[in-house]
Amino acid sequence: MEIEIIHQNENSLLKRTEVEFKVMHDKKETPTRGTVAAKLAAMMNTDRNMTIIKKIETQFGLNMSLGYANIYKDEQSISVEPKFIMKRNQLLEEETE
């Protein structure tokens, strides 16, 4: 799996880096958010727990996915993310009813 950063923007107000990326993968299945987040965090030299994959979509008929991620500077600033996004990224425990 290879990740190429298409566009990167520093959002100083929310203390995050917004990244658009392309993932080239061998399989015909989309890589998991956790796998992509770990690789992207390593590329950006940040902590995996500060990397939120907002969207990842596989292009029809191709071994390529396009995605969007937010990389936060600290735990205080990551609190702006909705709970359902945090759960999707496995950074928040599922609530049992």
PDB file of N, CA and C in Angstrom:
ATOM      1  N   MET A   1       0.847  -1.178   0.000  1.00  0.00           N
ATOM      2  CA  MET A   1       0.000   0.000   0.000  1.00  0.00           C
ATOM      3  C   MET A   1       0.893   1.242   0.000  1.00  0.00           C
ATOM      4  N   GLU A   2       0.610   2.135  -0.931  1.00  0.00           N
ATOM      5  CA  GLU A   2       1.336   3.399  -1.014  1.00  0.00           C
ATOM      6  C   GLU A   2       0.361   4.551  -0.825  1.00  0.00           C
ATOM      7  N   ILE A   3       0.777   5.556  -0.072  1.00  0.00           N
ATOM      8  CA  ILE A   3      -0.049   6.746   0.137  1.00  0.00           C
ATOM      9  C   ILE A   3       0.665   7.939  -0.472  1.00  0.00           C
ATOM     10  N   GLU A   4      -0.083   8.693  -1.271  1.00  0.00           N
ATOM     11  CA  GLU A   4       0.438   9.921  -1.868  1.00  0.00           C
ATOM     12  C   GLU A   4      -0.421  11.082  -1.384  1.00  0.00           C
ATOM     13  N   ILE A   5       0.210  12.107  -0.846  1.00  0.00           N
ATOM     14  CA  ILE A   5      -0.521  13.287  -0.377  1.00  0.00           C
ATOM     15  C   ILE A   5      -0.782  14.197  -1.565  1.00  0.00           C
ATOM     16  N   ILE A   6      -2.063  14.464  -1.822  1.00  0.00           N
ATOM     17  CA  ILE A   6      -2.462  15.295  -2.948  1.00  0.00           C
ATOM     18  C   ILE A   6      -2.446  16.766  -2.557  1.00  0.00           C
ATOM     19  N   HIS A   7      -3.017  17.062  -1.394  1.00  0.00           N
ATOM     20  CA  HIS A   7      -3.104  18.450  -0.938  1.00  0.00           C
ATOM     21  C   HIS A   7      -3.022  18.465   0.579  1.00  0.00           C
ATOM     22  N   GLN A   8      -2.387  19.492   1.110  1.00  0.00           N
ATOM     23  CA  GLN A   8      -2.221  19.623   2.558  1.00  0.00           C
ATOM     24  C   GLN A   8      -2.460  21.076   2.937  1.00  0.00           C
ATOM     25  N   ASN A   9      -3.247  21.298   3.994  1.00  0.00           N
ATOM     26  CA  ASN A   9      -3.583  22.648   4.435  1.00  0.00           C
ATOM     27  C   ASN A   9      -3.452  22.732   5.955  1.00  0.00           C
ATOM     28  N   GLU A  10      -2.771  23.756   6.432  1.00  0.00           N
ATOM     29  CA  GLU A  10      -2.659  24.003   7.871  1.00  0.00           C
ATOM     30  C   GLU A  10      -3.843  24.853   8.316  1.00  0.00           C
ATOM     31  N   ASN A  11      -4.623  24.355   9.260  1.00  0.00           N
ATOM     32  CA  ASN A  11      -5.746  25.098   9.826  1.00  0.00           C
ATOM     33  C   ASN A  11      -5.335  25.487  11.250  1.00  0.00           C
ATOM     34  N   SER A  12      -4.792  26.690  11.396  1.00  0.00           N
ATOM     35  CA  SER A  12      -4.254  27.112  12.688  1.00  0.00           C
ATOM     36  C   SER A  12      -5.358  27.392  13.711  1.00  0.00           C
ATOM     37  N   LEU A  13      -6.547  27.751  13.245  1.00  0.00           N
ATOM     38  CA  LEU A  13      -7.651  28.014  14.163  1.00  0.00           C
ATOM     39  C   LEU A  13      -8.062  26.748  14.918  1.00  0.00           C
ATOM     40  N   LEU A  14      -8.151  25.625  14.198  1.00  0.00           N
ATOM     41  CA  LEU A  14      -8.534  24.356  14.820  1.00  0.00           C
ATOM     42  C   LEU A  14      -7.329  23.499  15.208  1.00  0.00           C
ATOM     43  N   LYS A  15      -6.129  24.019  15.032  1.00  0.00           N
ATOM     44  CA  LYS A  15      -4.886  23.326  15.381  1.00  0.00           C
ATOM     45  C   LYS A  15      -4.799  21.946  14.738  1.00  0.00           C
ATOM     46  N   ARG A  16      -4.982  21.922  13.408  1.00  0.00           N
ATOM     47  CA  ARG A  16      -4.910  20.657  12.697  1.00  0.00           C
ATOM     48  C   ARG A  16      -4.356  20.873  11.290  1.00  0.00           C
ATOM     49  N   THR A  17      -3.913  19.775  10.707  1.00  0.00           N
ATOM     50  CA  THR A  17      -3.496  19.740   9.319  1.00  0.00           C
ATOM     51  C   THR A  17      -4.541  18.932   8.566  1.00  0.00           C
ATOM     52  N   GLU A  18      -5.084  19.496   7.505  1.00  0.00           N
ATOM     53  CA  GLU A  18      -6.096  18.822   6.693  1.00  0.00           C
ATOM     54  C   GLU A  18      -5.401  18.260   5.456  1.00  0.00           C
ATOM     55  N   VAL A  19      -5.568  16.963   5.227  1.00  0.00           N
ATOM     56  CA  VAL A  19      -4.820  16.263   4.184  1.00  0.00           C
ATOM     57  C   VAL A  19      -5.775  15.526   3.252  1.00  0.00           C
ATOM     58  N   GLU A  20      -5.595  15.743   1.946  1.00  0.00           N
ATOM     59  CA  GLU A  20      -6.251  14.927   0.928  1.00  0.00           C
ATOM     60  C   GLU A  20      -5.197  13.962   0.421  1.00  0.00           C
ATOM     61  N   PHE A  21      -5.563  12.685   0.274  1.00  0.00           N
ATOM     62  CA  PHE A  21      -4.562  11.694  -0.108  1.00  0.00           C
ATOM     63  C   PHE A  21      -5.124  10.669  -1.070  1.00  0.00           C
ATOM     64  N   LYS A  22      -4.190   9.961  -1.722  1.00  0.00           N
ATOM     65  CA  LYS A  22      -4.530   8.871  -2.628  1.00  0.00           C
ATOM     66  C   LYS A  22      -3.816   7.629  -2.128  1.00  0.00           C
ATOM     67  N   VAL A  23      -4.531   6.517  -2.061  1.00  0.00           N
ATOM     68  CA  VAL A  23      -3.964   5.250  -1.613  1.00  0.00           C
ATOM     69  C   VAL A  23      -3.969   4.279  -2.785  1.00  0.00           C
ATOM     70  N   MET A  24      -2.802   3.776  -3.131  1.00  0.00           N
ATOM     71  CA  MET A  24      -2.693   2.720  -4.135  1.00  0.00           C
ATOM     72  C   MET A  24      -2.526   1.415  -3.362  1.00  0.00           C
ATOM     73  N   HIS A  25      -3.444   0.457  -3.589  1.00  0.00           N
ATOM     74  CA  HIS A  25      -3.381  -0.806  -2.854  1.00  0.00           C
ATOM     75  C   HIS A  25      -3.434  -1.968  -3.813  1.00  0.00           C
ATOM     76  N   ASP A  26      -2.853  -3.090  -3.385  1.00  0.00           N
ATOM     77  CA  ASP A  26      -2.747  -4.271  -4.239  1.00  0.00           C
ATOM     78  C   ASP A  26      -4.072  -4.999  -4.375  1.00  0.00           C
ATOM     79  N   LYS A  27      -4.790  -5.091  -3.298  1.00  0.00           N
ATOM     80  CA  LYS A  27      -6.043  -5.843  -3.300  1.00  0.00           C
ATOM     81  C   LYS A  27      -7.158  -5.012  -3.913  1.00  0.00           C
ATOM     82  N   LYS A  28      -8.253  -5.650  -4.193  1.00  0.00           N
ATOM     83  CA  LYS A  28      -9.401  -4.927  -4.713  1.00  0.00           C
ATOM     84  C   LYS A  28     -10.290  -4.407  -3.597  1.00  0.00           C
ATOM     85  N   GLU A  29      -9.877  -4.635  -2.355  1.00  0.00           N
ATOM     86  CA  GLU A  29     -10.662  -4.125  -1.237  1.00  0.00           C
ATOM     87  C   GLU A  29      -9.992  -2.885  -0.653  1.00  0.00           C
ATOM     88  N   THR A  30     -10.816  -2.002  -0.128  1.00  0.00           N
ATOM     89  CA  THR A  30     -10.314  -0.773   0.472  1.00  0.00           C
ATOM     90  C   THR A  30      -9.583  -1.105   1.771  1.00  0.00           C
ATOM     91  N   PRO A  31      -8.399  -0.546   1.995  1.00  0.00           N
ATOM     92  CA  PRO A  31      -7.714  -0.776   3.274  1.00  0.00           C
ATOM     93  C   PRO A  31      -8.526  -0.190   4.433  1.00  0.00           C
ATOM     94  N   THR A  32      -8.334  -0.724   5.615  1.00  0.00           N
ATOM     95  CA  THR A  32      -9.088  -0.237   6.772  1.00  0.00           C
ATOM     96  C   THR A  32      -8.626   1.159   7.159  1.00  0.00           C
ATOM     97  N   ARG A  33      -9.501   1.871   7.862  1.00  0.00           N
ATOM     98  CA  ARG A  33      -9.159   3.212   8.350  1.00  0.00           C
ATOM     99  C   ARG A  33      -7.945   3.160   9.266  1.00  0.00           C
ATOM    100  N   GLY A  34      -7.873   2.142  10.101  1.00  0.00           N
ATOM    101  CA  GLY A  34      -6.758   2.012  11.035  1.00  0.00           C
ATOM    102  C   GLY A  34      -5.428   1.845  10.318  1.00  0.00           C
ATOM    103  N   THR A  35      -5.406   1.028   9.268  1.00  0.00           N
ATOM    104  CA  THR A  35      -4.185   0.812   8.496  1.00  0.00           C
ATOM    105  C   THR A  35      -3.743   2.094   7.801  1.00  0.00           C
ATOM    106  N   VAL A  36      -4.693   2.778   7.175  1.00  0.00           N
ATOM    107  CA  VAL A  36      -4.386   4.022   6.471  1.00  0.00           C
ATOM    108  C   VAL A  36      -3.943   5.096   7.460  1.00  0.00           C
ATOM    109  N   ALA A  37      -4.640   5.202   8.598  1.00  0.00           N
ATOM    110  CA  ALA A  37      -4.299   6.214   9.600  1.00  0.00           C
ATOM    111  C   ALA A  37      -2.895   5.984  10.161  1.00  0.00           C
ATOM    112  N   ALA A  38      -2.542   4.728  10.411  1.00  0.00           N
ATOM    113  CA  ALA A  38      -1.211   4.423  10.947  1.00  0.00           C
ATOM    114  C   ALA A  38      -0.121   4.792   9.953  1.00  0.00           C
ATOM    115  N   LYS A  39      -0.323   4.453   8.692  1.00  0.00           N
ATOM    116  CA  LYS A  39       0.675   4.768   7.665  1.00  0.00           C
ATOM    117  C   LYS A  39       0.769   6.279   7.437  1.00  0.00           C
ATOM    118  N   LEU A  40      -0.386   6.958   7.400  1.00  0.00           N
ATOM    119  CA  LEU A  40      -0.408   8.405   7.202  1.00  0.00           C
ATOM    120  C   LEU A  40       0.260   9.126   8.381  1.00  0.00           C
ATOM    121  N   ALA A  41      -0.008   8.655   9.604  1.00  0.00           N
ATOM    122  CA  ALA A  41       0.617   9.244  10.794  1.00  0.00           C
ATOM    123  C   ALA A  41       2.135   9.075  10.745  1.00  0.00           C
ATOM    124  N   ALA A  42       2.596   7.912  10.288  1.00  0.00           N
ATOM    125  CA  ALA A  42       4.037   7.686  10.165  1.00  0.00           C
ATOM    126  C   ALA A  42       4.649   8.609   9.114  1.00  0.00           C
ATOM    127  N   MET A  43       3.935   8.796   8.006  1.00  0.00           N
ATOM    128  CA  MET A  43       4.428   9.689   6.951  1.00  0.00           C
ATOM    129  C   MET A  43       4.520  11.135   7.423  1.00  0.00           C
ATOM    130  N   MET A  44       3.517  11.559   8.226  1.00  0.00           N
ATOM    131  CA  MET A  44       3.446  12.945   8.685  1.00  0.00           C
ATOM    132  C   MET A  44       4.206  13.151  10.004  1.00  0.00           C
ATOM    133  N   ASN A  45       4.793  12.056  10.524  1.00  0.00           N
ATOM    134  CA  ASN A  45       5.568  12.105  11.768  1.00  0.00           C
ATOM    135  C   ASN A  45       4.719  12.603  12.943  1.00  0.00           C
ATOM    136  N   THR A  46       3.517  12.014  13.083  1.00  0.00           N
ATOM    137  CA  THR A  46       2.601  12.362  14.165  1.00  0.00           C
ATOM    138  C   THR A  46       2.118  11.101  14.866  1.00  0.00           C
ATOM    139  N   ASP A  47       1.327  11.299  15.899  1.00  0.00           N
ATOM    140  CA  ASP A  47       0.762  10.195  16.666  1.00  0.00           C
ATOM    141  C   ASP A  47      -0.470   9.637  15.948  1.00  0.00           C
ATOM    142  N   ARG A  48      -0.619   8.323  15.929  1.00  0.00           N
ATOM    143  CA  ARG A  48      -1.782   7.673  15.306  1.00  0.00           C
ATOM    144  C   ARG A  48      -3.078   8.146  15.951  1.00  0.00           C
ATOM    145  N   ASN A  49      -3.084   8.373  17.267  1.00  0.00           N
ATOM    146  CA  ASN A  49      -4.302   8.779  17.973  1.00  0.00           C
ATOM    147  C   ASN A  49      -4.723  10.210  17.669  1.00  0.00           C
ATOM    148  N   MET A  50      -3.896  10.955  16.987  1.00  0.00           N
ATOM    149  CA  MET A  50      -4.234  12.327  16.583  1.00  0.00           C
ATOM    150  C   MET A  50      -4.635  12.403  15.109  1.00  0.00           C
ATOM    151  N   THR A  51      -4.697  11.235  14.434  1.00  0.00           N
ATOM    152  CA  THR A  51      -5.018  11.169  13.006  1.00  0.00           C
ATOM    153  C   THR A  51      -6.427  10.627  12.823  1.00  0.00           C
ATOM    154  N   ILE A  52      -7.289  11.428  12.207  1.00  0.00           N
ATOM    155  CA  ILE A  52      -8.684  11.063  11.967  1.00  0.00           C
ATOM    156  C   ILE A  52      -8.915  10.941  10.467  1.00  0.00           C
ATOM    157  N   ILE A  53      -9.309   9.754  10.012  1.00  0.00           N
ATOM    158  CA  ILE A  53      -9.680   9.562   8.612  1.00  0.00           C
ATOM    159  C   ILE A  53     -11.156   9.933   8.491  1.00  0.00           C
ATOM    160  N   LYS A  54     -11.434  11.026   7.805  1.00  0.00           N
ATOM    161  CA  LYS A  54     -12.816  11.487   7.643  1.00  0.00           C
ATOM    162  C   LYS A  54     -13.541  10.690   6.560  1.00  0.00           C
ATOM    163  N   LYS A  55     -12.829  10.417   5.455  1.00  0.00           N
ATOM    164  CA  LYS A  55     -13.472   9.745   4.322  1.00  0.00           C
ATOM    165  C   LYS A  55     -12.418   8.964   3.555  1.00  0.00           C
ATOM    166  N   ILE A  56     -12.807   7.792   3.081  1.00  0.00           N
ATOM    167  CA  ILE A  56     -11.961   7.020   2.172  1.00  0.00           C
ATOM    168  C   ILE A  56     -12.887   6.278   1.210  1.00  0.00           C
ATOM    169  N   GLU A  57     -12.687   6.498  -0.084  1.00  0.00           N
ATOM    170  CA  GLU A  57     -13.554   5.910  -1.102  1.00  0.00           C
ATOM    171  C   GLU A  57     -12.701   5.241  -2.175  1.00  0.00           C
ATOM    172  N   THR A  58     -13.053   4.006  -2.514  1.00  0.00           N
ATOM    173  CA  THR A  58     -12.358   3.296  -3.574  1.00  0.00           C
ATOM    174  C   THR A  58     -12.956   3.698  -4.909  1.00  0.00           C
ATOM    175  N   GLN A  59     -12.085   3.962  -5.877  1.00  0.00           N
ATOM    176  CA  GLN A  59     -12.524   4.317  -7.218  1.00  0.00           C
ATOM    177  C   GLN A  59     -12.946   3.041  -7.945  1.00  0.00           C
ATOM    178  N   PHE A  60     -14.091   3.075  -8.604  1.00  0.00           N
ATOM    179  CA  PHE A  60     -14.654   1.893  -9.249  1.00  0.00           C
ATOM    180  C   PHE A  60     -13.697   1.324 -10.291  1.00  0.00           C
ATOM    181  N   GLY A  61     -13.415   0.040 -10.174  1.00  0.00           N
ATOM    182  CA  GLY A  61     -12.590  -0.659 -11.143  1.00  0.00           C
ATOM    183  C   GLY A  61     -11.094  -0.427 -11.003  1.00  0.00           C
ATOM    184  N   LEU A  62     -10.683   0.323  -9.995  1.00  0.00           N
ATOM    185  CA  LEU A  62      -9.261   0.620  -9.810  1.00  0.00           C
ATOM    186  C   LEU A  62      -8.794   0.149  -8.444  1.00  0.00           C
ATOM    187  N   ASN A  63      -7.501  -0.051  -8.313  1.00  0.00           N
ATOM    188  CA  ASN A  63      -6.906  -0.368  -7.013  1.00  0.00           C
ATOM    189  C   ASN A  63      -6.409   0.921  -6.372  1.00  0.00           C
ATOM    190  N   MET A  64      -7.296   1.919  -6.333  1.00  0.00           N
ATOM    191  CA  MET A  64      -6.947   3.229  -5.814  1.00  0.00           C
ATOM    192  C   MET A  64      -8.118   3.769  -4.997  1.00  0.00           C
ATOM    193  N   SER A  65      -7.788   4.389  -3.879  1.00  0.00           N
ATOM    194  CA  SER A  65      -8.794   5.031  -3.033  1.00  0.00           C
ATOM    195  C   SER A  65      -8.388   6.471  -2.805  1.00  0.00           C
ATOM    196  N   LEU A  66      -9.384   7.352  -2.713  1.00  0.00           N
ATOM    197  CA  LEU A  66      -9.149   8.747  -2.384  1.00  0.00           C
ATOM    198  C   LEU A  66      -9.707   9.004  -0.996  1.00  0.00           C
ATOM    199  N   GLY A  67      -9.029   9.836  -0.219  1.00  0.00           N
ATOM    200  CA  GLY A  67      -9.483  10.077   1.138  1.00  0.00           C
ATOM    201  C   GLY A  67      -9.138  11.461   1.638  1.00  0.00           C
ATOM    202  N   TYR A  68      -9.665  11.748   2.832  1.00  0.00           N
ATOM    203  CA  TYR A  68      -9.483  13.031   3.499  1.00  0.00           C
ATOM    204  C   TYR A  68      -9.250  12.754   4.971  1.00  0.00           C
ATOM    205  N   ALA A  69      -8.251  13.411   5.554  1.00  0.00           N
ATOM    206  CA  ALA A  69      -7.926  13.187   6.964  1.00  0.00           C
ATOM    207  C   ALA A  69      -7.618  14.502   7.660  1.00  0.00           C
ATOM    208  N   ASN A  70      -7.841  14.518   8.970  1.00  0.00           N
ATOM    209  CA  ASN A  70      -7.450  15.626   9.832  1.00  0.00           C
ATOM    210  C   ASN A  70      -6.408  15.105  10.811  1.00  0.00           C
ATOM    211  N   ILE A  71      -5.302  15.831  10.932  1.00  0.00           N
ATOM    212  CA  ILE A  71      -4.249  15.461  11.867  1.00  0.00           C
ATOM    213  C   ILE A  71      -4.125  16.590  12.882  1.00  0.00           C
ATOM    214  N   TYR A  72      -4.445  16.277  14.136  1.00  0.00           N
ATOM    215  CA  TYR A  72      -4.500  17.286  15.197  1.00  0.00           C
ATOM    216  C   TYR A  72      -3.171  17.410  15.925  1.00  0.00           C
ATOM    217  N   LYS A  73      -2.973  18.580  16.518  1.00  0.00           N
ATOM    218  CA  LYS A  73      -1.728  18.863  17.251  1.00  0.00           C
ATOM    219  C   LYS A  73      -1.763  18.323  18.676  1.00  0.00           C
ATOM    220  N   ASP A  74      -2.969  18.325  19.326  1.00  0.00           N
ATOM    221  CA  ASP A  74      -3.071  17.871  20.706  1.00  0.00           C
ATOM    222  C   ASP A  74      -4.459  17.293  20.981  1.00  0.00           C
ATOM    223  N   GLU A  75      -4.611  16.669  22.147  1.00  0.00           N
ATOM    224  CA  GLU A  75      -5.874  16.023  22.502  1.00  0.00           C
ATOM    225  C   GLU A  75      -7.000  17.026  22.737  1.00  0.00           C
ATOM    226  N   GLN A  76      -6.675  18.215  23.168  1.00  0.00           N
ATOM    227  CA  GLN A  76      -7.683  19.257  23.400  1.00  0.00           C
ATOM    228  C   GLN A  76      -8.365  19.631  22.095  1.00  0.00           C
ATOM    229  N   SER A  77      -7.615  19.787  21.026  1.00  0.00           N
ATOM    230  CA  SER A  77      -8.180  20.233  19.750  1.00  0.00           C
ATOM    231  C   SER A  77      -8.936  19.133  19.013  1.00  0.00           C
ATOM    232  N   ILE A  78      -8.661  17.863  19.317  1.00  0.00           N
ATOM    233  CA  ILE A  78      -9.357  16.763  18.641  1.00  0.00           C
ATOM    234  C   ILE A  78     -10.812  16.643  19.111  1.00  0.00           C
ATOM    235  N   SER A  79     -11.157  17.328  20.181  1.00  0.00           N
ATOM    236  CA  SER A  79     -12.517  17.241  20.734  1.00  0.00           C
ATOM    237  C   SER A  79     -13.579  17.860  19.823  1.00  0.00           C
ATOM    238  N   VAL A  80     -13.191  18.570  18.763  1.00  0.00           N
ATOM    239  CA  VAL A  80     -14.170  19.144  17.834  1.00  0.00           C
ATOM    240  C   VAL A  80     -14.767  18.092  16.901  1.00  0.00           C
ATOM    241  N   GLU A  81     -14.132  16.921  16.819  1.00  0.00           N
ATOM    242  CA  GLU A  81     -14.635  15.859  15.955  1.00  0.00           C
ATOM    243  C   GLU A  81     -15.896  15.229  16.553  1.00  0.00           C
ATOM    244  N   PRO A  82     -16.893  14.932  15.717  1.00  0.00           N
ATOM    245  CA  PRO A  82     -18.110  14.269  16.210  1.00  0.00           C
ATOM    246  C   PRO A  82     -17.804  12.874  16.760  1.00  0.00           C
ATOM    247  N   LYS A  83     -18.622  12.431  17.694  1.00  0.00           N
ATOM    248  CA  LYS A  83     -18.399  11.131  18.333  1.00  0.00           C
ATOM    249  C   LYS A  83     -18.444   9.975  17.341  1.00  0.00           C
ATOM    250  N   PHE A  84     -19.349  10.041  16.340  1.00  0.00           N
ATOM    251  CA  PHE A  84     -19.453   8.928  15.405  1.00  0.00           C
ATOM    252  C   PHE A  84     -18.188   8.799  14.547  1.00  0.00           C
ATOM    253  N   ILE A  85     -17.534   9.899  14.256  1.00  0.00           N
ATOM    254  CA  ILE A  85     -16.272   9.856  13.510  1.00  0.00           C
ATOM    255  C   ILE A  85     -15.169   9.257  14.391  1.00  0.00           C
ATOM    256  N   MET A  86     -15.166   9.622  15.669  1.00  0.00           N
ATOM    257  CA  MET A  86     -14.177   9.069  16.602  1.00  0.00           C
ATOM    258  C   MET A  86     -14.364   7.553  16.739  1.00  0.00           C
ATOM    259  N   LYS A  87     -15.628   7.085  16.766  1.00  0.00           N
ATOM    260  CA  LYS A  87     -15.899   5.647  16.861  1.00  0.00           C
ATOM    261  C   LYS A  87     -15.452   4.919  15.602  1.00  0.00           C
ATOM    262  N   ARG A  88     -15.692   5.525  14.437  1.00  0.00           N
ATOM    263  CA  ARG A  88     -15.263   4.914  13.183  1.00  0.00           C
ATOM    264  C   ARG A  88     -13.754   4.735  13.131  1.00  0.00           C
ATOM    265  N   ASN A  89     -13.037   5.657  13.736  1.00  0.00           N
ATOM    266  CA  ASN A  89     -11.588   5.601  13.754  1.00  0.00           C
ATOM    267  C   ASN A  89     -11.058   4.818  14.951  1.00  0.00           C
ATOM    268  N   GLN A  90     -11.946   4.189  15.695  1.00  0.00           N
ATOM    269  CA  GLN A  90     -11.628   3.348  16.848  1.00  0.00           C
ATOM    270  C   GLN A  90     -10.833   4.107  17.905  1.00  0.00           C
ATOM    271  N   LEU A  91     -11.197   5.375  18.092  1.00  0.00           N
ATOM    272  CA  LEU A  91     -10.568   6.189  19.124  1.00  0.00           C
ATOM    273  C   LEU A  91     -11.506   6.441  20.295  1.00  0.00           C
ATOM    274  N   LEU A  92     -12.718   5.919  20.205  1.00  0.00           N
ATOM    275  CA  LEU A  92     -13.703   6.061  21.267  1.00  0.00           C
ATOM    276  C   LEU A  92     -14.386   4.712  21.443  1.00  0.00           C
ATOM    277  N   GLU A  93     -14.620   4.316  22.663  1.00  0.00           N
ATOM    278  CA  GLU A  93     -15.274   3.040  22.952  1.00  0.00           C
ATOM    279  C   GLU A  93     -16.733   3.077  22.560  1.00  0.00           C
ATOM    280  N   GLU A  94     -17.251   1.941  22.079  1.00  0.00           N
ATOM    281  CA  GLU A  94     -18.680   1.821  21.789  1.00  0.00           C
ATOM    282  C   GLU A  94     -19.453   1.827  23.094  1.00  0.00           C
ATOM    283  N   GLU A  95     -20.551   2.569  23.111  1.00  0.00           N
ATOM    284  CA  GLU A  95     -21.403   2.630  24.300  1.00  0.00           C
ATOM    285  C   GLU A  95     -22.372   1.461  24.264  1.00  0.00           C
ATOM    286  N   THR A  96     -22.507   0.757  25.395  1.00  0.00           N
ATOM    287  CA  THR A  96     -23.462  -0.346  25.486  1.00  0.00           C
ATOM    288  C   THR A  96     -24.718   0.166  26.159  1.00  0.00           C
ATOM    289  N   GLU A  97     -25.834  -0.286  25.647  1.00  0.00           N
ATOM    290  CA  GLU A  97     -27.109   0.180  26.212  1.00  0.00           C
ATOM    291  C   GLU A  97     -27.741  -0.855  27.084  1.00  0.00           C
TER     292      GLU A  97
END
